[in-house]
């Protein structure tokens, strides 16, 4: 008869290894991304700040 407890424990250990490998790969890629010098960012004025505010409607609802 198969040892189901050992099969389960083996599966959980190997699954944990796989998760750790994936998390490490993601963290490595995030570090590489953060090290890259990206283009300088500029904040441009929005179109709504430049435009005149809309006039209030005088019609009753």
C-alpha atoms as a PDB file:
ATOM      1  CA  UNK A   1       0.000   0.000   0.000  1.00  0.00           C
ATOM      2  CA  UNK A   2       1.392   3.459  -0.899  1.00  0.00           C
ATOM      3  CA  UNK A   3       2.538   5.687   1.933  1.00  0.00           C
ATOM      4  CA  UNK A   4       0.136   8.588   1.341  1.00  0.00           C
ATOM      5  CA  UNK A   5       1.561  10.688   4.126  1.00  0.00           C
ATOM      6  CA  UNK A   6       5.054  10.502   2.641  1.00  0.00           C
ATOM      7  CA  UNK A   7       3.663  11.220  -0.834  1.00  0.00           C
ATOM      8  CA  UNK A   8       1.845  14.293   0.506  1.00  0.00           C
ATOM      9  CA  UNK A   9       4.886  15.556   2.402  1.00  0.00           C
ATOM     10  CA  UNK A  10       7.102  15.058  -0.645  1.00  0.00           C
ATOM     11  CA  UNK A  11       4.647  17.007  -2.794  1.00  0.00           C
ATOM     12  CA  UNK A  12       4.472  19.859  -0.274  1.00  0.00           C
ATOM     13  CA  UNK A  13       8.276  20.088   0.041  1.00  0.00           C
ATOM     14  CA  UNK A  14       8.760  20.173  -3.715  1.00  0.00           C
ATOM     15  CA  UNK A  15       5.932  22.699  -4.141  1.00  0.00           C
ATOM     16  CA  UNK A  16       7.573  24.929  -1.540  1.00  0.00           C
ATOM     17  CA  UNK A  17      10.885  24.717  -3.431  1.00  0.00           C
ATOM     18  CA  UNK A  18       9.157  25.710  -6.671  1.00  0.00           C
ATOM     19  CA  UNK A  19       7.442  28.677  -5.016  1.00  0.00           C
ATOM     20  CA  UNK A  20      10.738  29.869  -3.546  1.00  0.00           C
ATOM     21  CA  UNK A  21      12.405  29.647  -6.964  1.00  0.00           C
ATOM     22  CA  UNK A  22       9.613  31.697  -8.570  1.00  0.00           C
ATOM     23  CA  UNK A  23       9.621  34.335  -5.824  1.00  0.00           C
ATOM     24  CA  UNK A  24      13.418  34.666  -6.071  1.00  0.00           C
ATOM     25  CA  UNK A  25      13.212  35.065  -9.858  1.00  0.00           C
ATOM     26  CA  UNK A  26      10.557  37.767  -9.494  1.00  0.00           C
ATOM     27  CA  UNK A  27      12.616  39.622  -6.881  1.00  0.00           C
ATOM     28  CA  UNK A  28      15.703  39.438  -9.107  1.00  0.00           C
ATOM     29  CA  UNK A  29      13.783  40.902 -12.025  1.00  0.00           C
ATOM     30  CA  UNK A  30      12.362  43.668  -9.844  1.00  0.00           C
ATOM     31  CA  UNK A  31      15.877  44.557  -8.690  1.00  0.00           C
ATOM     32  CA  UNK A  32      17.098  44.679 -12.292  1.00  0.00           C
ATOM     33  CA  UNK A  33      14.185  46.919 -13.242  1.00  0.00           C
ATOM     34  CA  UNK A  34      14.823  49.303 -10.350  1.00  0.00           C
ATOM     35  CA  UNK A  35      18.543  49.572 -11.206  1.00  0.00           C
ATOM     36  CA  UNK A  36      17.838  50.701 -14.764  1.00  0.00           C
ATOM     37  CA  UNK A  37      18.106  54.436 -15.246  1.00  0.00           C
ATOM     38  CA  UNK A  38      14.848  55.333 -16.890  1.00  0.00           C
ATOM     39  CA  UNK A  39      14.064  58.549 -18.729  1.00  0.00           C
ATOM     40  CA  UNK A  40      13.637  61.699 -16.684  1.00  0.00           C
ATOM     41  CA  UNK A  41       9.996  62.274 -15.861  1.00  0.00           C
ATOM     42  CA  UNK A  42       8.316  65.650 -16.174  1.00  0.00           C
ATOM     43  CA  UNK A  43       4.975  66.651 -14.745  1.00  0.00           C
ATOM     44  CA  UNK A  44       3.017  68.567 -17.343  1.00  0.00           C
ATOM     45  CA  UNK A  45       0.116  70.824 -16.458  1.00  0.00           C
ATOM     46  CA  UNK A  46      -3.194  69.151 -17.136  1.00  0.00           C
ATOM     47  CA  UNK A  47      -5.571  70.571 -19.714  1.00  0.00           C
ATOM     48  CA  UNK A  48      -8.215  71.125 -17.015  1.00  0.00           C
ATOM     49  CA  UNK A  49      -5.910  73.476 -15.107  1.00  0.00           C
ATOM     50  CA  UNK A  50      -5.365  75.612 -18.174  1.00  0.00           C
ATOM     51  CA  UNK A  51      -9.004  75.809 -19.250  1.00  0.00           C
ATOM     52  CA  UNK A  52     -11.559  78.179 -17.773  1.00  0.00           C
ATOM     53  CA  UNK A  53     -13.969  76.520 -15.344  1.00  0.00           C
ATOM     54  CA  UNK A  54     -17.345  75.754 -16.893  1.00  0.00           C
ATOM     55  CA  UNK A  55     -20.093  78.226 -16.131  1.00  0.00           C
ATOM     56  CA  UNK A  56     -22.820  77.082 -13.791  1.00  0.00           C
ATOM     57  CA  UNK A  57     -26.134  76.240 -15.345  1.00  0.00           C
ATOM     58  CA  UNK A  58     -29.008  78.529 -14.364  1.00  0.00           C
ATOM     59  CA  UNK A  59     -31.743  76.118 -15.438  1.00  0.00           C
ATOM     60  CA  UNK A  60     -33.841  74.536 -12.709  1.00  0.00           C
ATOM     61  CA  UNK A  61     -34.108  70.789 -12.627  1.00  0.00           C
END
